[in-house]
Amino acid sequence: MTRQRKLSPERKEFLQKLLSAYQLEDTQDVQNMLKDLFGDTLQTLLEAEMDEQLGYSKYDYKNKDTDDSRNGYSKKTVTSTMGNIPLDIPRDRKGEFHPQAVKKNQMSSTGYN
């Protein structure tokens, strides 16, 4: 007898939203969705790290308590088991931002160059 995977109601609802948003038809569509989600997750982590570094979120100048600020992005492509993932690495004016989610000079999502 095979074991059936049990999903929490929250997880099931989340997956149903993903399925409707991506209109998946086959396993290649699933892989493309996972690649998109992986890239979006890395990008969100990088943005959160910049928020933490500067002490305020993007466009929240009222709470800015530093003389450093955002200074655009650098493009980077990270290799993963799902293929190449393009990222926009945030920069700060002082050049003191050192991301941890995708470190400087890191070219692979496994942490190895």
PDB file of N, CA and C in Angstrom:
ATOM      1  N   MET A   1       0.838  -1.179   0.000  1.00  0.00           N
ATOM      2  CA  MET A   1       0.000   0.000   0.000  1.00  0.00           C
ATOM      3  C   MET A   1       0.889   1.251   0.000  1.00  0.00           C
ATOM      4  N   THR A   2       0.632   2.141  -0.940  1.00  0.00           N
ATOM      5  CA  THR A   2       1.439   3.351  -1.024  1.00  0.00           C
ATOM      6  C   THR A   2       0.910   4.408  -0.066  1.00  0.00           C
ATOM      7  N   ARG A   3       1.832   5.203   0.386  1.00  0.00           N
ATOM      8  CA  ARG A   3       1.504   6.272   1.319  1.00  0.00           C
ATOM      9  C   ARG A   3       1.075   7.515   0.545  1.00  0.00           C
ATOM     10  N   GLN A   4      -0.025   8.090   0.915  1.00  0.00           N
ATOM     11  CA  GLN A   4      -0.514   9.295   0.261  1.00  0.00           C
ATOM     12  C   GLN A   4       0.070  10.513   0.968  1.00  0.00           C
ATOM     13  N   ARG A   5       0.540  11.479   0.165  1.00  0.00           N
ATOM     14  CA  ARG A   5       1.073  12.720   0.737  1.00  0.00           C
ATOM     15  C   ARG A   5      -0.064  13.544   1.317  1.00  0.00           C
ATOM     16  N   LYS A   6       0.131  14.006   2.522  1.00  0.00           N
ATOM     17  CA  LYS A   6      -0.897  14.832   3.163  1.00  0.00           C
ATOM     18  C   LYS A   6      -0.439  16.278   3.177  1.00  0.00           C
ATOM     19  N   LEU A   7      -1.289  17.128   2.650  1.00  0.00           N
ATOM     20  CA  LEU A   7      -1.004  18.554   2.612  1.00  0.00           C
ATOM     21  C   LEU A   7      -1.871  19.279   3.614  1.00  0.00           C
ATOM     22  N   SER A   8      -1.279  20.279   4.267  1.00  0.00           N
ATOM     23  CA  SER A   8      -2.080  21.122   5.142  1.00  0.00           C
ATOM     24  C   SER A   8      -3.033  21.935   4.269  1.00  0.00           C
ATOM     25  N   PRO A   9      -4.137  22.376   4.817  1.00  0.00           N
ATOM     26  CA  PRO A   9      -5.080  23.196   4.025  1.00  0.00           C
ATOM     27  C   PRO A   9      -4.418  24.460   3.465  1.00  0.00           C
ATOM     28  N   GLU A  10      -3.507  25.063   4.233  1.00  0.00           N
ATOM     29  CA  GLU A  10      -2.834  26.272   3.774  1.00  0.00           C
ATOM     30  C   GLU A  10      -1.928  25.974   2.580  1.00  0.00           C
ATOM     31  N   ARG A  11      -1.207  24.880   2.677  1.00  0.00           N
ATOM     32  CA  ARG A  11      -0.301  24.514   1.585  1.00  0.00           C
ATOM     33  C   ARG A  11      -1.086  24.132   0.333  1.00  0.00           C
ATOM     34  N   LYS A  12      -2.186  23.419   0.531  1.00  0.00           N
ATOM     35  CA  LYS A  12      -3.022  23.022  -0.598  1.00  0.00           C
ATOM     36  C   LYS A  12      -3.582  24.255  -1.304  1.00  0.00           C
ATOM     37  N   GLU A  13      -4.041  25.236  -0.539  1.00  0.00           N
ATOM     38  CA  GLU A  13      -4.569  26.474  -1.107  1.00  0.00           C
ATOM     39  C   GLU A  13      -3.478  27.235  -1.868  1.00  0.00           C
ATOM     40  N   PHE A  14      -2.283  27.274  -1.293  1.00  0.00           N
ATOM     41  CA  PHE A  14      -1.150  27.927  -1.939  1.00  0.00           C
ATOM     42  C   PHE A  14      -0.838  27.254  -3.279  1.00  0.00           C
ATOM     43  N   LEU A  15      -0.792  25.944  -3.297  1.00  0.00           N
ATOM     44  CA  LEU A  15      -0.508  25.217  -4.537  1.00  0.00           C
ATOM     45  C   LEU A  15      -1.601  25.418  -5.578  1.00  0.00           C
ATOM     46  N   GLN A  16      -2.839  25.479  -5.142  1.00  0.00           N
ATOM     47  CA  GLN A  16      -3.937  25.725  -6.083  1.00  0.00           C
ATOM     48  C   GLN A  16      -3.802  27.108  -6.716  1.00  0.00           C
ATOM     49  N   LYS A  17      -3.373  28.095  -5.940  1.00  0.00           N
ATOM     50  CA  LYS A  17      -3.151  29.435  -6.485  1.00  0.00           C
ATOM     51  C   LYS A  17      -2.020  29.429  -7.506  1.00  0.00           C
ATOM     52  N   LEU A  18      -0.951  28.684  -7.200  1.00  0.00           N
ATOM     53  CA  LEU A  18       0.157  28.574  -8.153  1.00  0.00           C
ATOM     54  C   LEU A  18      -0.305  27.930  -9.452  1.00  0.00           C
ATOM     55  N   LEU A  19      -1.057  26.858  -9.324  1.00  0.00           N
ATOM     56  CA  LEU A  19      -1.539  26.159 -10.516  1.00  0.00           C
ATOM     57  C   LEU A  19      -2.398  27.067 -11.388  1.00  0.00           C
ATOM     58  N   SER A  20      -3.247  27.843 -10.771  1.00  0.00           N
ATOM     59  CA  SER A  20      -4.104  28.723 -11.567  1.00  0.00           C
ATOM     60  C   SER A  20      -3.308  29.895 -12.141  1.00  0.00           C
ATOM     61  N   ALA A  21      -2.304  30.373 -11.420  1.00  0.00           N
ATOM     62  CA  ALA A  21      -1.505  31.500 -11.911  1.00  0.00           C
ATOM     63  C   ALA A  21      -0.607  31.103 -13.074  1.00  0.00           C
ATOM     64  N   TYR A  22      -0.075  29.896 -13.041  1.00  0.00           N
ATOM     65  CA  TYR A  22       0.874  29.466 -14.068  1.00  0.00           C
ATOM     66  C   TYR A  22       0.244  28.668 -15.207  1.00  0.00           C
ATOM     67  N   GLN A  23      -0.983  28.241 -15.059  1.00  0.00           N
ATOM     68  CA  GLN A  23      -1.657  27.471 -16.117  1.00  0.00           C
ATOM     69  C   GLN A  23      -0.775  26.307 -16.600  1.00  0.00           C
ATOM     70  N   LEU A  24      -0.388  25.458 -15.673  1.00  0.00           N
ATOM     71  CA  LEU A  24       0.517  24.344 -15.967  1.00  0.00           C
ATOM     72  C   LEU A  24      -0.181  23.256 -16.762  1.00  0.00           C
ATOM     73  N   GLU A  25       0.536  22.747 -17.750  1.00  0.00           N
ATOM     74  CA  GLU A  25      -0.012  21.683 -18.585  1.00  0.00           C
ATOM     75  C   GLU A  25       0.839  20.421 -18.572  1.00  0.00           C
ATOM     76  N   ASP A  26       2.154  20.562 -18.337  1.00  0.00           N
ATOM     77  CA  ASP A  26       3.013  19.385 -18.348  1.00  0.00           C
ATOM     78  C   ASP A  26       4.182  19.590 -17.379  1.00  0.00           C
ATOM     79  N   THR A  27       5.067  18.582 -17.308  1.00  0.00           N
ATOM     80  CA  THR A  27       6.169  18.653 -16.348  1.00  0.00           C
ATOM     81  C   THR A  27       7.156  19.767 -16.688  1.00  0.00           C
ATOM     82  N   GLN A  28       7.312  20.105 -17.960  1.00  0.00           N
ATOM     83  CA  GLN A  28       8.201  21.210 -18.328  1.00  0.00           C
ATOM     84  C   GLN A  28       7.660  22.528 -17.779  1.00  0.00           C
ATOM     85  N   ASP A  29       6.345  22.700 -17.808  1.00  0.00           N
ATOM     86  CA  ASP A  29       5.730  23.894 -17.223  1.00  0.00           C
ATOM     87  C   ASP A  29       5.997  23.963 -15.724  1.00  0.00           C
ATOM     88  N   VAL A  30       5.955  22.819 -15.053  1.00  0.00           N
ATOM     89  CA  VAL A  30       6.229  22.763 -13.613  1.00  0.00           C
ATOM     90  C   VAL A  30       7.678  23.174 -13.356  1.00  0.00           C
ATOM     91  N   GLN A  31       8.610  22.658 -14.154  1.00  0.00           N
ATOM     92  CA  GLN A  31      10.018  23.011 -13.987  1.00  0.00           C
ATOM     93  C   GLN A  31      10.247  24.502 -14.235  1.00  0.00           C
ATOM     94  N   ASN A  32       9.596  25.062 -15.240  1.00  0.00           N
ATOM     95  CA  ASN A  32       9.725  26.494 -15.513  1.00  0.00           C
ATOM     96  C   ASN A  32       9.170  27.320 -14.355  1.00  0.00           C
ATOM     97  N   MET A  33       8.057  26.872 -13.778  1.00  0.00           N
ATOM     98  CA  MET A  33       7.473  27.568 -12.634  1.00  0.00           C
ATOM     99  C   MET A  33       8.440  27.543 -11.454  1.00  0.00           C
ATOM    100  N   LEU A  34       9.027  26.378 -11.182  1.00  0.00           N
ATOM    101  CA  LEU A  34       9.960  26.262 -10.068  1.00  0.00           C
ATOM    102  C   LEU A  34      11.189  27.143 -10.285  1.00  0.00           C
ATOM    103  N   LYS A  35      11.653  27.228 -11.512  1.00  0.00           N
ATOM    104  CA  LYS A  35      12.786  28.097 -11.826  1.00  0.00           C
ATOM    105  C   LYS A  35      12.410  29.560 -11.564  1.00  0.00           C
ATOM    106  N   ASP A  36      11.229  29.965 -12.020  1.00  0.00           N
ATOM    107  CA  ASP A  36      10.752  31.335 -11.757  1.00  0.00           C
ATOM    108  C   ASP A  36      10.657  31.610 -10.259  1.00  0.00           C
ATOM    109  N   LEU A  37      10.075  30.682  -9.527  1.00  0.00           N
ATOM    110  CA  LEU A  37       9.897  30.859  -8.085  1.00  0.00           C
ATOM    111  C   LEU A  37      11.240  30.917  -7.365  1.00  0.00           C
ATOM    112  N   PHE A  38      12.191  30.095  -7.803  1.00  0.00           N
ATOM    113  CA  PHE A  38      13.519  30.106  -7.204  1.00  0.00           C
ATOM    114  C   PHE A  38      14.188  31.457  -7.431  1.00  0.00           C
ATOM    115  N   GLY A  39      14.131  31.951  -8.667  1.00  0.00           N
ATOM    116  CA  GLY A  39      14.709  33.255  -8.977  1.00  0.00           C
ATOM    117  C   GLY A  39      14.028  34.381  -8.213  1.00  0.00           C
ATOM    118  N   ASP A  40      12.699  34.337  -8.149  1.00  0.00           N
ATOM    119  CA  ASP A  40      11.953  35.364  -7.410  1.00  0.00           C
ATOM    120  C   ASP A  40      12.289  35.326  -5.921  1.00  0.00           C
ATOM    121  N   THR A  41      12.482  34.130  -5.386  1.00  0.00           N
ATOM    122  CA  THR A  41      12.838  33.991  -3.975  1.00  0.00           C
ATOM    123  C   THR A  41      14.216  34.574  -3.712  1.00  0.00           C
ATOM    124  N   LEU A  42      15.182  34.260  -4.568  1.00  0.00           N
ATOM    125  CA  LEU A  42      16.524  34.834  -4.404  1.00  0.00           C
ATOM    126  C   LEU A  42      16.486  36.352  -4.503  1.00  0.00           C
ATOM    127  N   GLN A  43      15.733  36.873  -5.471  1.00  0.00           N
ATOM    128  CA  GLN A  43      15.635  38.319  -5.643  1.00  0.00           C
ATOM    129  C   GLN A  43      15.026  38.974  -4.404  1.00  0.00           C
ATOM    130  N   THR A  44      13.993  38.358  -3.844  1.00  0.00           N
ATOM    131  CA  THR A  44      13.349  38.885  -2.642  1.00  0.00           C
ATOM    132  C   THR A  44      14.300  38.864  -1.453  1.00  0.00           C
ATOM    133  N   LEU A  45      15.091  37.796  -1.327  1.00  0.00           N
ATOM    134  CA  LEU A  45      16.092  37.717  -0.258  1.00  0.00           C
ATOM    135  C   LEU A  45      17.118  38.838  -0.389  1.00  0.00           C
ATOM    136  N   LEU A  46      17.569  39.096  -1.605  1.00  0.00           N
ATOM    137  CA  LEU A  46      18.540  40.163  -1.828  1.00  0.00           C
ATOM    138  C   LEU A  46      17.965  41.530  -1.452  1.00  0.00           C
ATOM    139  N   GLU A  47      16.721  41.770  -1.830  1.00  0.00           N
ATOM    140  CA  GLU A  47      16.068  43.040  -1.476  1.00  0.00           C
ATOM    141  C   GLU A  47      15.913  43.184   0.041  1.00  0.00           C
ATOM    142  N   ALA A  48      15.546  42.082   0.702  1.00  0.00           N
ATOM    143  CA  ALA A  48      15.400  42.113   2.166  1.00  0.00           C
ATOM    144  C   ALA A  48      16.745  42.364   2.841  1.00  0.00           C
ATOM    145  N   GLU A  49      17.814  41.796   2.292  1.00  0.00           N
ATOM    146  CA  GLU A  49      19.150  42.043   2.847  1.00  0.00           C
ATOM    147  C   GLU A  49      19.526  43.516   2.711  1.00  0.00           C
ATOM    148  N   MET A  50      19.184  44.119   1.588  1.00  0.00           N
ATOM    149  CA  MET A  50      19.489  45.543   1.399  1.00  0.00           C
ATOM    150  C   MET A  50      18.684  46.391   2.383  1.00  0.00           C
ATOM    151  N   ASP A  51      17.402  46.046   2.568  1.00  0.00           N
ATOM    152  CA  ASP A  51      16.577  46.750   3.557  1.00  0.00           C
ATOM    153  C   ASP A  51      17.221  46.672   4.939  1.00  0.00           C
ATOM    154  N   GLU A  52      17.686  45.493   5.291  1.00  0.00           N
ATOM    155  CA  GLU A  52      18.316  45.280   6.603  1.00  0.00           C
ATOM    156  C   GLU A  52      19.615  46.084   6.716  1.00  0.00           C
ATOM    157  N   GLN A  53      20.411  46.082   5.671  1.00  0.00           N
ATOM    158  CA  GLN A  53      21.688  46.810   5.666  1.00  0.00           C
ATOM    159  C   GLN A  53      21.474  48.304   5.868  1.00  0.00           C
ATOM    160  N   LEU A  54      20.489  48.857   5.145  1.00  0.00           N
ATOM    161  CA  LEU A  54      20.258  50.296   5.203  1.00  0.00           C
ATOM    162  C   LEU A  54      19.370  50.713   6.373  1.00  0.00           C
ATOM    163  N   GLY A  55      18.570  49.789   6.881  1.00  0.00           N
ATOM    164  CA  GLY A  55      17.709  50.105   8.011  1.00  0.00           C
ATOM    165  C   GLY A  55      16.361  50.688   7.634  1.00  0.00           C
ATOM    166  N   TYR A  56      16.038  50.683   6.367  1.00  0.00           N
ATOM    167  CA  TYR A  56      14.724  51.163   5.924  1.00  0.00           C
ATOM    168  C   TYR A  56      14.362  50.452   4.632  1.00  0.00           C
ATOM    169  N   SER A  57      13.058  50.330   4.372  1.00  0.00           N
ATOM    170  CA  SER A  57      12.617  49.662   3.157  1.00  0.00           C
ATOM    171  C   SER A  57      12.583  50.656   1.997  1.00  0.00           C
ATOM    172  N   LYS A  58      12.561  50.111   0.814  1.00  0.00           N
ATOM    173  CA  LYS A  58      12.578  50.940  -0.390  1.00  0.00           C
ATOM    174  C   LYS A  58      11.411  51.929  -0.370  1.00  0.00           C
ATOM    175  N   TYR A  59      11.671  53.166  -0.705  1.00  0.00           N
ATOM    176  CA  TYR A  59      10.696  54.265  -0.754  1.00  0.00           C
ATOM    177  C   TYR A  59      10.198  54.706   0.632  1.00  0.00           C
ATOM    178  N   ASP A  60      10.821  54.232   1.703  1.00  0.00           N
ATOM    179  CA  ASP A  60      10.418  54.613   3.058  1.00  0.00           C
ATOM    180  C   ASP A  60      11.420  55.631   3.609  1.00  0.00           C
ATOM    181  N   TYR A  61      11.522  56.769   2.946  1.00  0.00           N
ATOM    182  CA  TYR A  61      12.528  57.763   3.303  1.00  0.00           C
ATOM    183  C   TYR A  61      12.294  58.382   4.678  1.00  0.00           C
ATOM    184  N   LYS A  62      11.071  58.332   5.173  1.00  0.00           N
ATOM    185  CA  LYS A  62      10.771  58.912   6.483  1.00  0.00           C
ATOM    186  C   LYS A  62      11.533  58.202   7.598  1.00  0.00           C
ATOM    187  N   ASN A  63      11.812  56.908   7.401  1.00  0.00           N
ATOM    188  CA  ASN A  63      12.514  56.138   8.425  1.00  0.00           C
ATOM    189  C   ASN A  63      13.999  55.974   8.110  1.00  0.00           C
ATOM    190  N   LYS A  64      14.491  56.714   7.134  1.00  0.00           N
ATOM    191  CA  LYS A  64      15.904  56.625   6.770  1.00  0.00           C
ATOM    192  C   LYS A  64      16.741  57.291   7.849  1.00  0.00           C
ATOM    193  N   ASP A  65      17.675  56.505   8.412  1.00  0.00           N
ATOM    194  CA  ASP A  65      18.525  57.009   9.478  1.00  0.00           C
ATOM    195  C   ASP A  65      19.984  56.718   9.151  1.00  0.00           C
ATOM    196  N   THR A  66      20.358  56.902   7.887  1.00  0.00           N
ATOM    197  CA  THR A  66      21.714  56.640   7.432  1.00  0.00           C
ATOM    198  C   THR A  66      22.040  57.577   6.281  1.00  0.00           C
ATOM    199  N   ASP A  67      23.321  57.788   6.057  1.00  0.00           N
ATOM    200  CA  ASP A  67      23.702  58.611   4.907  1.00  0.00           C
ATOM    201  C   ASP A  67      23.963  57.755   3.672  1.00  0.00           C
ATOM    202  N   ASP A  68      23.791  56.440   3.801  1.00  0.00           N
ATOM    203  CA  ASP A  68      23.913  55.516   2.670  1.00  0.00           C
ATOM    204  C   ASP A  68      22.531  55.334   2.037  1.00  0.00           C
ATOM    205  N   SER A  69      22.515  54.972   0.767  1.00  0.00           N
ATOM    206  CA  SER A  69      21.235  54.741   0.095  1.00  0.00           C
ATOM    207  C   SER A  69      21.427  53.753  -1.049  1.00  0.00           C
ATOM    208  N   ARG A  70      20.318  53.342  -1.616  1.00  0.00           N
ATOM    209  CA  ARG A  70      20.358  52.418  -2.745  1.00  0.00           C
ATOM    210  C   ARG A  70      20.978  53.104  -3.959  1.00  0.00           C
ATOM    211  N   ASN A  71      21.634  52.299  -4.788  1.00  0.00           N
ATOM    212  CA  ASN A  71      22.300  52.852  -5.957  1.00  0.00           C
ATOM    213  C   ASN A  71      22.131  51.915  -7.143  1.00  0.00           C
ATOM    214  N   GLY A  72      20.905  51.529  -7.432  1.00  0.00           N
ATOM    215  CA  GLY A  72      20.633  50.706  -8.598  1.00  0.00           C
ATOM    216  C   GLY A  72      20.968  49.244  -8.395  1.00  0.00           C
ATOM    217  N   TYR A  73      21.238  48.572  -9.513  1.00  0.00           N
ATOM    218  CA  TYR A  73      21.449  47.128  -9.516  1.00  0.00           C
ATOM    219  C   TYR A  73      22.577  46.764 -10.456  1.00  0.00           C
ATOM    220  N   SER A  74      23.180  45.619 -10.175  1.00  0.00           N
ATOM    221  CA  SER A  74      24.121  44.988 -11.096  1.00  0.00           C
ATOM    222  C   SER A  74      23.476  43.700 -11.581  1.00  0.00           C
ATOM    223  N   LYS A  75      23.589  43.425 -12.839  1.00  0.00           N
ATOM    224  CA  LYS A  75      23.020  42.186 -13.383  1.00  0.00           C
ATOM    225  C   LYS A  75      23.969  41.033 -13.111  1.00  0.00           C
ATOM    226  N   LYS A  76      23.387  39.884 -12.810  1.00  0.00           N
ATOM    227  CA  LYS A  76      24.165  38.682 -12.541  1.00  0.00           C
ATOM    228  C   LYS A  76      23.347  37.478 -12.968  1.00  0.00           C
ATOM    229  N   THR A  77      24.008  36.479 -13.494  1.00  0.00           N
ATOM    230  CA  THR A  77      23.351  35.226 -13.836  1.00  0.00           C
ATOM    231  C   THR A  77      23.950  34.130 -12.975  1.00  0.00           C
ATOM    232  N   VAL A  78      23.084  33.434 -12.242  1.00  0.00           N
ATOM    233  CA  VAL A  78      23.502  32.351 -11.367  1.00  0.00           C
ATOM    234  C   VAL A  78      23.076  31.036 -11.997  1.00  0.00           C
ATOM    235  N   THR A  79      23.973  30.075 -12.007  1.00  0.00           N
ATOM    236  CA  THR A  79      23.679  28.757 -12.552  1.00  0.00           C
ATOM    237  C   THR A  79      23.080  27.885 -11.457  1.00  0.00           C
ATOM    238  N   SER A  80      22.017  27.186 -11.797  1.00  0.00           N
ATOM    239  CA  SER A  80      21.387  26.261 -10.857  1.00  0.00           C
ATOM    240  C   SER A  80      21.094  24.956 -11.581  1.00  0.00           C
ATOM    241  N   THR A  81      20.588  23.992 -10.858  1.00  0.00           N
ATOM    242  CA  THR A  81      20.214  22.725 -11.485  1.00  0.00           C
ATOM    243  C   THR A  81      19.039  22.920 -12.437  1.00  0.00           C
ATOM    244  N   MET A  82      18.332  24.043 -12.316  1.00  0.00           N
ATOM    245  CA  MET A  82      17.196  24.335 -13.182  1.00  0.00           C
ATOM    246  C   MET A  82      17.583  25.176 -14.386  1.00  0.00           C
ATOM    247  N   GLY A  83      18.854  25.570 -14.461  1.00  0.00           N
ATOM    248  CA  GLY A  83      19.309  26.410 -15.564  1.00  0.00           C
ATOM    249  C   GLY A  83      19.837  27.733 -15.057  1.00  0.00           C
ATOM    250  N   ASN A  84      20.057  28.661 -15.962  1.00  0.00           N
ATOM    251  CA  ASN A  84      20.561  29.983 -15.606  1.00  0.00           C
ATOM    252  C   ASN A  84      19.431  30.860 -15.077  1.00  0.00           C
ATOM    253  N   ILE A  85      19.730  31.558 -13.988  1.00  0.00           N
ATOM    254  CA  ILE A  85      18.737  32.424 -13.361  1.00  0.00           C
ATOM    255  C   ILE A  85      19.284  33.845 -13.331  1.00  0.00           C
ATOM    256  N   PRO A  86      18.661  34.762 -14.082  1.00  0.00           N
ATOM    257  CA  PRO A  86      19.113  36.155 -14.068  1.00  0.00           C
ATOM    258  C   PRO A  86      18.640  36.858 -12.791  1.00  0.00           C
ATOM    259  N   LEU A  87      19.547  37.615 -12.175  1.00  0.00           N
ATOM    260  CA  LEU A  87      19.223  38.354 -10.954  1.00  0.00           C
ATOM    261  C   LEU A  87      19.685  39.797 -11.099  1.00  0.00           C
ATOM    262  N   ASP A  88      19.050  40.677 -10.353  1.00  0.00           N
ATOM    263  CA  ASP A  88      19.473  42.067 -10.226  1.00  0.00           C
ATOM    264  C   ASP A  88      19.983  42.237  -8.803  1.00  0.00           C
ATOM    265  N   ILE A  89      21.298  42.391  -8.653  1.00  0.00           N
ATOM    266  CA  ILE A  89      21.905  42.501  -7.335  1.00  0.00           C
ATOM    267  C   ILE A  89      21.871  43.965  -6.906  1.00  0.00           C
ATOM    268  N   PRO A  90      21.207  44.273  -5.777  1.00  0.00           N
ATOM    269  CA  PRO A  90      21.137  45.664  -5.323  1.00  0.00           C
ATOM    270  C   PRO A  90      22.518  46.197  -4.944  1.00  0.00           C
ATOM    271  N   ARG A  91      22.698  47.504  -5.149  1.00  0.00           N
ATOM    272  CA  ARG A  91      23.941  48.175  -4.759  1.00  0.00           C
ATOM    273  C   ARG A  91      23.606  49.330  -3.829  1.00  0.00           C
ATOM    274  N   ASP A  92      24.571  49.681  -2.994  1.00  0.00           N
ATOM    275  CA  ASP A  92      24.431  50.876  -2.165  1.00  0.00           C
ATOM    276  C   ASP A  92      25.511  51.874  -2.560  1.00  0.00           C
ATOM    277  N   ARG A  93      25.291  53.130  -2.238  1.00  0.00           N
ATOM    278  CA  ARG A  93      26.208  54.190  -2.664  1.00  0.00           C
ATOM    279  C   ARG A  93      27.599  54.045  -2.058  1.00  0.00           C
ATOM    280  N   LYS A  94      27.683  53.564  -0.828  1.00  0.00           N
ATOM    281  CA  LYS A  94      28.986  53.426  -0.173  1.00  0.00           C
ATOM    282  C   LYS A  94      29.728  52.157  -0.582  1.00  0.00           C
ATOM    283  N   GLY A  95      29.047  51.240  -1.248  1.00  0.00           N
ATOM    284  CA  GLY A  95      29.688  49.997  -1.656  1.00  0.00           C
ATOM    285  C   GLY A  95      29.946  49.045  -0.509  1.00  0.00           C
ATOM    286  N   GLU A  96      29.179  49.180   0.564  1.00  0.00           N
ATOM    287  CA  GLU A  96      29.374  48.343   1.751  1.00  0.00           C
ATOM    288  C   GLU A  96      28.435  47.138   1.797  1.00  0.00           C
ATOM    289  N   PHE A  97      27.524  47.045   0.850  1.00  0.00           N
ATOM    290  CA  PHE A  97      26.559  45.938   0.846  1.00  0.00           C
ATOM    291  C   PHE A  97      27.223  44.672   0.326  1.00  0.00           C
ATOM    292  N   HIS A  98      27.207  43.633   1.164  1.00  0.00           N
ATOM    293  CA  HIS A  98      27.760  42.326   0.813  1.00  0.00           C
ATOM    294  C   HIS A  98      26.655  41.291   0.977  1.00  0.00           C
ATOM    295  N   PRO A  99      25.932  40.976  -0.103  1.00  0.00           N
ATOM    296  CA  PRO A  99      24.801  40.054   0.009  1.00  0.00           C
ATOM    297  C   PRO A  99      25.243  38.657   0.451  1.00  0.00           C
ATOM    298  N   GLN A 100      24.368  37.996   1.194  1.00  0.00           N
ATOM    299  CA  GLN A 100      24.648  36.647   1.674  1.00  0.00           C
ATOM    300  C   GLN A 100      23.859  35.595   0.901  1.00  0.00           C
ATOM    301  N   ALA A 101      22.679  35.941   0.411  1.00  0.00           N
ATOM    302  CA  ALA A 101      21.858  34.978  -0.341  1.00  0.00           C
ATOM    303  C   ALA A 101      22.594  34.541  -1.603  1.00  0.00           C
ATOM    304  N   VAL A 102      23.191  35.496  -2.302  1.00  0.00           N
ATOM    305  CA  VAL A 102      24.038  35.236  -3.463  1.00  0.00           C
ATOM    306  C   VAL A 102      25.259  36.124  -3.266  1.00  0.00           C
ATOM    307  N   LYS A 103      26.327  35.524  -2.808  1.00  0.00           N
ATOM    308  CA  LYS A 103      27.522  36.290  -2.458  1.00  0.00           C
ATOM    309  C   LYS A 103      28.216  36.852  -3.697  1.00  0.00           C
ATOM    310  N   LYS A 104      29.036  37.856  -3.465  1.00  0.00           N
ATOM    311  CA  LYS A 104      29.828  38.423  -4.557  1.00  0.00           C
ATOM    312  C   LYS A 104      30.692  37.322  -5.157  1.00  0.00           C
ATOM    313  N   ASN A 105      30.813  37.323  -6.447  1.00  0.00           N
ATOM    314  CA  ASN A 105      31.587  36.340  -7.225  1.00  0.00           C
ATOM    315  C   ASN A 105      30.982  34.943  -7.221  1.00  0.00           C
ATOM    316  N   GLN A 106      29.846  34.743  -6.596  1.00  0.00           N
ATOM    317  CA  GLN A 106      29.194  33.437  -6.609  1.00  0.00           C
ATOM    318  C   GLN A 106      28.474  33.269  -7.944  1.00  0.00           C
ATOM    319  N   MET A 107      28.759  32.206  -8.629  1.00  0.00           N
ATOM    320  CA  MET A 107      28.159  31.970  -9.950  1.00  0.00           C
ATOM    321  C   MET A 107      27.207  30.778  -9.963  1.00  0.00           C
ATOM    322  N   SER A 108      27.114  30.071  -8.847  1.00  0.00           N
ATOM    323  CA  SER A 108      26.279  28.877  -8.782  1.00  0.00           C
ATOM    324  C   SER A 108      25.377  28.958  -7.560  1.00  0.00           C
ATOM    325  N   SER A 109      24.172  28.447  -7.669  1.00  0.00           N
ATOM    326  CA  SER A 109      23.242  28.477  -6.539  1.00  0.00           C
ATOM    327  C   SER A 109      23.629  27.497  -5.448  1.00  0.00           C
ATOM    328  N   THR A 110      24.560  26.593  -5.730  1.00  0.00           N
ATOM    329  CA  THR A 110      24.999  25.637  -4.716  1.00  0.00           C
ATOM    330  C   THR A 110      26.049  26.228  -3.801  1.00  0.00           C
ATOM    331  N   GLY A 111      26.538  27.426  -4.118  1.00  0.00           N
ATOM    332  CA  GLY A 111      27.537  28.069  -3.284  1.00  0.00           C
ATOM    333  C   GLY A 111      28.948  27.817  -3.773  1.00  0.00           C
ATOM    334  N   TYR A 112      29.097  27.014  -4.816  1.00  0.00           N
ATOM    335  CA  TYR A 112      30.413  26.738  -5.378  1.00  0.00           C
ATOM    336  C   TYR A 112      30.547  27.479  -6.694  1.00  0.00           C
ATOM    337  N   ASN A 113      31.702  28.017  -6.970  1.00  0.00           N
ATOM    338  CA  ASN A 113      31.922  28.736  -8.233  1.00  0.00           C
ATOM    339  C   ASN A 113      32.293  27.801  -9.341  1.00  0.00           C
TER     340      ASN A 113
END
